[in-house]
N, C-alpha and C. Protein backbone atom coordinates (compact mmCIF):
# COMPACT_ATOMS: atom_id res chain seq x y z
N MET A 1 -126.00 -55.30 18.72
CA MET A 1 -124.58 -55.33 18.45
C MET A 1 -123.82 -54.47 19.45
N GLY A 2 -124.35 -53.28 19.77
CA GLY A 2 -123.70 -52.38 20.71
C GLY A 2 -123.66 -52.96 22.11
N LEU A 3 -124.74 -53.65 22.51
CA LEU A 3 -124.79 -54.24 23.84
C LEU A 3 -123.78 -55.38 23.97
N LEU A 4 -123.65 -56.18 22.91
CA LEU A 4 -122.68 -57.27 22.92
C LEU A 4 -121.26 -56.73 23.02
N ARG A 5 -120.98 -55.69 22.27
CA ARG A 5 -119.65 -55.07 22.30
C ARG A 5 -119.34 -54.52 23.69
N PHE A 6 -120.33 -53.86 24.31
CA PHE A 6 -120.16 -53.35 25.66
C PHE A 6 -119.91 -54.48 26.65
N ALA A 7 -120.66 -55.58 26.51
CA ALA A 7 -120.50 -56.72 27.41
C ALA A 7 -119.11 -57.33 27.29
N ILE A 8 -118.61 -57.44 26.06
CA ILE A 8 -117.28 -58.02 25.86
C ILE A 8 -116.21 -57.12 26.47
N LYS A 9 -116.30 -55.82 26.18
CA LYS A 9 -115.31 -54.88 26.73
C LYS A 9 -115.36 -54.85 28.25
N SER A 10 -116.56 -54.85 28.81
CA SER A 10 -116.71 -54.84 30.27
C SER A 10 -116.13 -56.11 30.89
N SER A 11 -116.36 -57.25 30.23
CA SER A 11 -115.83 -58.52 30.73
C SER A 11 -114.31 -58.52 30.72
N ILE A 12 -113.72 -58.00 29.65
CA ILE A 12 -112.26 -57.94 29.57
C ILE A 12 -111.70 -57.04 30.67
N ALA A 13 -112.30 -55.85 30.84
CA ALA A 13 -111.84 -54.93 31.87
C ALA A 13 -112.03 -55.53 33.26
N GLY A 14 -113.19 -56.12 33.50
CA GLY A 14 -113.46 -56.74 34.80
C GLY A 14 -112.52 -57.89 35.08
N GLY A 15 -112.25 -58.71 34.05
CA GLY A 15 -111.33 -59.83 34.21
C GLY A 15 -109.92 -59.35 34.53
N ALA A 16 -109.50 -58.29 33.86
CA ALA A 16 -108.16 -57.75 34.11
C ALA A 16 -108.06 -57.23 35.54
N ILE A 17 -109.09 -56.53 35.99
CA ILE A 17 -109.09 -56.01 37.36
C ILE A 17 -109.09 -57.15 38.36
N TYR A 18 -109.96 -58.15 38.12
CA TYR A 18 -110.04 -59.30 39.03
C TYR A 18 -108.69 -60.01 39.12
N TYR A 19 -108.06 -60.24 37.97
CA TYR A 19 -106.77 -60.93 37.94
C TYR A 19 -105.70 -60.15 38.70
N THR A 20 -105.63 -58.85 38.48
CA THR A 20 -104.60 -58.06 39.17
C THR A 20 -104.84 -58.01 40.67
N VAL A 21 -106.10 -58.00 41.08
CA VAL A 21 -106.41 -58.03 42.52
C VAL A 21 -105.98 -59.37 43.11
N GLN A 22 -106.30 -60.47 42.41
CA GLN A 22 -105.94 -61.80 42.90
C GLN A 22 -104.42 -62.00 42.97
N GLU A 23 -103.70 -61.40 42.05
CA GLU A 23 -102.24 -61.54 42.03
C GLU A 23 -101.55 -60.63 43.04
N GLY A 24 -102.26 -59.67 43.62
CA GLY A 24 -101.69 -58.83 44.66
C GLY A 24 -101.19 -57.47 44.20
N LEU A 25 -101.53 -57.09 42.98
CA LEU A 25 -101.06 -55.80 42.48
C LEU A 25 -101.60 -54.64 43.31
N TRP A 26 -102.83 -54.75 43.77
CA TRP A 26 -103.47 -53.66 44.51
C TRP A 26 -103.43 -53.90 46.02
N GLY A 27 -102.64 -54.86 46.46
CA GLY A 27 -102.55 -55.17 47.88
C GLY A 27 -101.51 -54.33 48.58
N THR A 28 -100.88 -54.96 49.54
CA THR A 28 -99.84 -54.27 50.31
C THR A 28 -98.59 -54.10 49.44
N PRO A 29 -97.69 -53.21 49.85
CA PRO A 29 -96.45 -53.07 49.07
C PRO A 29 -95.65 -54.38 48.97
N GLU A 30 -95.72 -55.19 50.01
CA GLU A 30 -95.01 -56.47 49.99
C GLU A 30 -95.59 -57.40 48.93
N GLU A 31 -96.93 -57.43 48.82
CA GLU A 31 -97.58 -58.26 47.80
C GLU A 31 -97.23 -57.77 46.40
N SER A 32 -97.22 -56.45 46.22
CA SER A 32 -96.86 -55.89 44.91
C SER A 32 -95.41 -56.22 44.55
N ALA A 33 -94.51 -56.12 45.53
CA ALA A 33 -93.10 -56.45 45.29
C ALA A 33 -92.95 -57.93 44.95
N LYS A 34 -93.72 -58.77 45.63
CA LYS A 34 -93.67 -60.21 45.35
C LYS A 34 -94.15 -60.49 43.93
N LEU A 35 -95.21 -59.80 43.50
CA LEU A 35 -95.71 -59.97 42.13
C LEU A 35 -94.66 -59.50 41.13
N TYR A 36 -94.03 -58.37 41.39
CA TYR A 36 -93.01 -57.86 40.48
C TYR A 36 -91.84 -58.84 40.38
N ASN A 37 -91.39 -59.38 41.51
CA ASN A 37 -90.31 -60.37 41.48
C ASN A 37 -90.70 -61.60 40.67
N LYS A 38 -91.95 -62.03 40.85
CA LYS A 38 -92.46 -63.18 40.10
C LYS A 38 -92.44 -62.90 38.60
N LEU A 39 -92.94 -61.74 38.20
CA LEU A 39 -92.93 -61.37 36.79
C LEU A 39 -91.51 -61.23 36.26
N TYR A 40 -90.65 -60.60 37.05
CA TYR A 40 -89.25 -60.40 36.64
C TYR A 40 -88.56 -61.74 36.40
N ASN A 41 -88.75 -62.67 37.34
CA ASN A 41 -88.10 -63.97 37.22
C ASN A 41 -88.68 -64.80 36.07
N ASN A 42 -89.94 -64.61 35.73
CA ASN A 42 -90.56 -65.38 34.65
C ASN A 42 -90.31 -64.76 33.27
N ILE A 43 -90.26 -63.46 33.19
CA ILE A 43 -90.16 -62.80 31.88
C ILE A 43 -88.72 -62.66 31.41
N SER A 44 -87.79 -62.36 32.30
CA SER A 44 -86.39 -62.16 31.88
C SER A 44 -85.82 -63.34 31.10
N PRO A 45 -85.96 -64.58 31.58
CA PRO A 45 -85.42 -65.70 30.81
C PRO A 45 -86.10 -65.86 29.45
N LEU A 46 -87.40 -65.61 29.39
CA LEU A 46 -88.12 -65.73 28.12
C LEU A 46 -87.62 -64.71 27.11
N VAL A 47 -87.34 -63.51 27.58
CA VAL A 47 -86.84 -62.47 26.68
C VAL A 47 -85.47 -62.88 26.15
N ARG A 48 -84.60 -63.37 27.04
CA ARG A 48 -83.25 -63.77 26.61
C ARG A 48 -83.29 -64.94 25.63
N GLN A 49 -84.23 -65.88 25.83
CA GLN A 49 -84.30 -67.07 24.98
C GLN A 49 -84.96 -66.80 23.63
N ASN A 50 -85.98 -65.97 23.60
CA ASN A 50 -86.81 -65.86 22.40
C ASN A 50 -86.58 -64.61 21.56
N VAL A 51 -85.88 -63.66 22.08
CA VAL A 51 -85.64 -62.43 21.33
C VAL A 51 -84.20 -62.46 20.81
N PRO A 52 -83.99 -62.09 19.55
CA PRO A 52 -82.62 -62.10 19.02
C PRO A 52 -81.67 -61.25 19.88
N LYS A 53 -80.43 -61.69 19.93
CA LYS A 53 -79.42 -61.05 20.79
C LYS A 53 -79.24 -59.57 20.44
N GLU A 54 -79.30 -59.23 19.15
CA GLU A 54 -79.13 -57.84 18.72
C GLU A 54 -80.23 -56.96 19.30
N VAL A 55 -81.44 -57.49 19.33
CA VAL A 55 -82.57 -56.71 19.86
C VAL A 55 -82.43 -56.55 21.37
N VAL A 56 -82.03 -57.62 22.04
CA VAL A 56 -81.88 -57.56 23.50
C VAL A 56 -80.82 -56.53 23.87
N GLU A 57 -79.75 -56.45 23.10
CA GLU A 57 -78.70 -55.47 23.39
C GLU A 57 -79.16 -54.04 23.15
N GLU A 58 -80.08 -53.86 22.21
CA GLU A 58 -80.57 -52.52 21.87
C GLU A 58 -81.58 -51.99 22.89
N ILE A 59 -82.41 -52.87 23.42
CA ILE A 59 -83.43 -52.41 24.37
C ILE A 59 -82.84 -52.39 25.77
N HIS A 60 -83.44 -51.59 26.61
CA HIS A 60 -83.00 -51.53 28.00
C HIS A 60 -83.42 -52.80 28.72
N ARG A 61 -82.62 -53.18 29.68
CA ARG A 61 -82.97 -54.37 30.45
C ARG A 61 -84.13 -54.04 31.38
N ILE A 62 -84.83 -55.08 31.78
CA ILE A 62 -85.92 -54.90 32.74
C ILE A 62 -85.29 -54.52 34.07
N PRO A 63 -85.77 -53.46 34.71
CA PRO A 63 -85.13 -53.05 35.97
C PRO A 63 -85.28 -54.12 37.04
N ASN A 64 -84.24 -54.29 37.83
CA ASN A 64 -84.34 -55.27 38.90
C ASN A 64 -85.21 -54.69 40.02
N PRO A 65 -85.68 -55.54 40.93
CA PRO A 65 -86.62 -55.07 41.96
C PRO A 65 -86.10 -53.92 42.82
N SER A 66 -84.81 -53.87 43.12
CA SER A 66 -84.33 -52.77 43.97
C SER A 66 -84.37 -51.44 43.22
N ASP A 67 -84.04 -51.46 41.90
CA ASP A 67 -84.17 -50.24 41.10
C ASP A 67 -85.62 -49.80 41.02
N PHE A 68 -86.49 -50.78 40.83
CA PHE A 68 -87.92 -50.50 40.73
C PHE A 68 -88.43 -49.88 42.03
N LYS A 69 -88.01 -50.44 43.15
CA LYS A 69 -88.45 -49.93 44.45
C LYS A 69 -87.99 -48.49 44.65
N ARG A 70 -86.74 -48.20 44.30
CA ARG A 70 -86.21 -46.85 44.44
C ARG A 70 -87.01 -45.87 43.58
N CYS A 71 -87.35 -46.29 42.37
CA CYS A 71 -88.12 -45.44 41.46
C CYS A 71 -89.53 -45.19 42.01
N VAL A 72 -90.15 -46.24 42.53
CA VAL A 72 -91.50 -46.09 43.09
C VAL A 72 -91.48 -45.16 44.29
N VAL A 73 -90.48 -45.31 45.15
CA VAL A 73 -90.38 -44.45 46.33
C VAL A 73 -90.22 -42.99 45.90
N TYR A 74 -89.37 -42.74 44.91
CA TYR A 74 -89.16 -41.37 44.44
C TYR A 74 -90.47 -40.77 43.91
N HIS A 75 -91.15 -41.52 43.05
CA HIS A 75 -92.38 -40.98 42.45
C HIS A 75 -93.50 -40.85 43.49
N TRP A 76 -93.55 -41.76 44.46
CA TRP A 76 -94.55 -41.65 45.51
C TRP A 76 -94.30 -40.37 46.32
N ASN A 77 -93.06 -40.15 46.72
CA ASN A 77 -92.73 -38.95 47.48
C ASN A 77 -92.99 -37.69 46.67
N ASN A 78 -92.68 -37.72 45.39
CA ASN A 78 -92.95 -36.58 44.51
C ASN A 78 -94.45 -36.31 44.43
N GLY A 79 -95.25 -37.37 44.35
CA GLY A 79 -96.70 -37.21 44.31
C GLY A 79 -97.24 -36.63 45.60
N VAL A 80 -96.72 -37.09 46.73
CA VAL A 80 -97.15 -36.55 48.03
C VAL A 80 -96.79 -35.08 48.14
N THR A 81 -95.57 -34.72 47.74
CA THR A 81 -95.12 -33.32 47.79
C THR A 81 -96.00 -32.44 46.91
N THR A 82 -96.29 -32.90 45.70
CA THR A 82 -97.12 -32.13 44.78
C THR A 82 -98.53 -31.96 45.34
N SER A 83 -99.09 -33.03 45.93
CA SER A 83 -100.44 -32.95 46.50
C SER A 83 -100.49 -31.96 47.66
N ILE A 84 -99.50 -32.00 48.54
CA ILE A 84 -99.46 -31.08 49.68
C ILE A 84 -99.30 -29.65 49.19
N LYS A 85 -98.46 -29.44 48.18
CA LYS A 85 -98.29 -28.09 47.62
C LYS A 85 -99.60 -27.58 47.05
N PHE A 86 -100.31 -28.45 46.31
CA PHE A 86 -101.61 -28.06 45.75
C PHE A 86 -102.58 -27.68 46.87
N LEU A 87 -102.64 -28.50 47.92
CA LEU A 87 -103.55 -28.20 49.02
C LEU A 87 -103.17 -26.90 49.73
N SER A 88 -101.88 -26.63 49.85
CA SER A 88 -101.47 -25.38 50.51
C SER A 88 -101.82 -24.16 49.67
N GLU A 89 -101.85 -24.33 48.34
CA GLU A 89 -102.17 -23.21 47.45
C GLU A 89 -103.66 -23.15 47.10
N LEU A 90 -104.44 -24.11 47.58
CA LEU A 90 -105.86 -24.18 47.24
C LEU A 90 -106.63 -22.92 47.62
N PRO A 91 -106.45 -22.34 48.80
CA PRO A 91 -107.20 -21.11 49.11
C PRO A 91 -106.94 -19.99 48.10
N GLU A 92 -105.70 -19.86 47.67
CA GLU A 92 -105.37 -18.83 46.69
C GLU A 92 -106.05 -19.11 45.35
N HIS A 93 -106.04 -20.38 44.94
CA HIS A 93 -106.70 -20.75 43.68
C HIS A 93 -108.20 -20.48 43.75
N VAL A 94 -108.81 -20.83 44.88
CA VAL A 94 -110.25 -20.59 45.04
C VAL A 94 -110.54 -19.10 45.01
N SER A 95 -109.74 -18.32 45.71
CA SER A 95 -109.92 -16.87 45.73
C SER A 95 -109.80 -16.28 44.33
N ASN A 96 -108.77 -16.70 43.59
CA ASN A 96 -108.61 -16.22 42.21
C ASN A 96 -109.79 -16.62 41.34
N GLY A 97 -110.28 -17.84 41.53
CA GLY A 97 -111.43 -18.30 40.76
C GLY A 97 -112.68 -17.49 41.06
N ILE A 98 -112.90 -17.20 42.33
CA ILE A 98 -114.07 -16.39 42.71
C ILE A 98 -113.96 -15.00 42.13
N ASP A 99 -112.77 -14.40 42.18
CA ASP A 99 -112.57 -13.06 41.60
C ASP A 99 -112.87 -13.07 40.10
N LYS A 100 -112.41 -14.07 39.39
CA LYS A 100 -112.66 -14.15 37.95
C LYS A 100 -114.15 -14.30 37.67
N ILE A 101 -114.81 -15.14 38.45
CA ILE A 101 -116.26 -15.33 38.25
C ILE A 101 -117.00 -14.03 38.50
N GLN A 102 -116.64 -13.32 39.57
CA GLN A 102 -117.30 -12.05 39.87
C GLN A 102 -117.08 -11.04 38.74
N LYS A 103 -115.87 -10.97 38.22
CA LYS A 103 -115.59 -10.04 37.12
C LYS A 103 -116.41 -10.39 35.89
N GLU A 104 -116.53 -11.68 35.59
CA GLU A 104 -117.31 -12.11 34.43
C GLU A 104 -118.79 -11.79 34.62
N ILE A 105 -119.29 -11.97 35.84
CA ILE A 105 -120.70 -11.66 36.11
C ILE A 105 -120.93 -10.16 35.97
N GLU A 106 -120.03 -9.36 36.54
CA GLU A 106 -120.16 -7.90 36.40
C GLU A 106 -120.09 -7.49 34.94
N LYS A 107 -119.19 -8.09 34.22
CA LYS A 107 -119.03 -7.78 32.80
C LYS A 107 -120.30 -8.13 32.02
N SER A 108 -120.88 -9.29 32.32
CA SER A 108 -122.10 -9.68 31.60
C SER A 108 -123.28 -8.82 32.03
N ASN A 109 -123.32 -8.40 33.30
CA ASN A 109 -124.39 -7.51 33.75
C ASN A 109 -124.28 -6.14 33.09
N LEU A 110 -123.06 -5.64 32.95
CA LEU A 110 -122.86 -4.35 32.28
C LEU A 110 -123.28 -4.43 30.82
N SER A 111 -122.87 -5.49 30.15
CA SER A 111 -123.21 -5.59 28.73
C SER A 111 -124.70 -5.84 28.55
N SER A 112 -125.33 -6.60 29.44
CA SER A 112 -126.78 -6.81 29.30
C SER A 112 -127.53 -5.54 29.69
N GLY A 113 -126.99 -4.75 30.63
CA GLY A 113 -127.61 -3.48 31.01
C GLY A 113 -127.55 -2.48 29.87
N GLU A 114 -126.44 -2.45 29.14
CA GLU A 114 -126.31 -1.57 27.99
C GLU A 114 -127.24 -1.99 26.87
N ALA A 115 -127.44 -3.29 26.73
CA ALA A 115 -128.32 -3.79 25.67
C ALA A 115 -129.77 -3.41 25.97
N THR A 116 -130.17 -3.46 27.24
CA THR A 116 -131.55 -3.09 27.57
C THR A 116 -131.76 -1.59 27.44
N LYS A 117 -130.73 -0.78 27.74
CA LYS A 117 -130.86 0.67 27.59
C LYS A 117 -130.99 1.05 26.13
N SER A 118 -130.27 0.36 25.25
CA SER A 118 -130.34 0.71 23.83
C SER A 118 -131.68 0.31 23.24
N LYS A 119 -132.36 -0.69 23.81
CA LYS A 119 -133.67 -1.10 23.31
C LYS A 119 -134.74 -0.10 23.71
N GLU A 120 -134.52 0.59 24.80
CA GLU A 120 -135.53 1.53 25.29
C GLU A 120 -135.50 2.75 24.49
């Protein structure tokens, strides 16, 4: 039963990955933008036709491709900035980590040394 469950879950995950690769989600930015435009053009009319007007007015509209692009650019740049900041601070983080490890080792050596002295 467990093997069958694993096989089904793996197949679903693999199928989802395969489909997104084939549709261009993981391709170039142009392919991803083309996929987003395709989804936007197909989903927006369906939402307007099948969802009650009151609900459509309450929920936010699907962002158009230019808004989406601006948002992606902002978050991409923010991610790059954060990564570079982390890398620039990495030596300090490593140094602090080594200091903490050394203090813990010294602390454990002192406490184990006291324990052996009390046994003698």
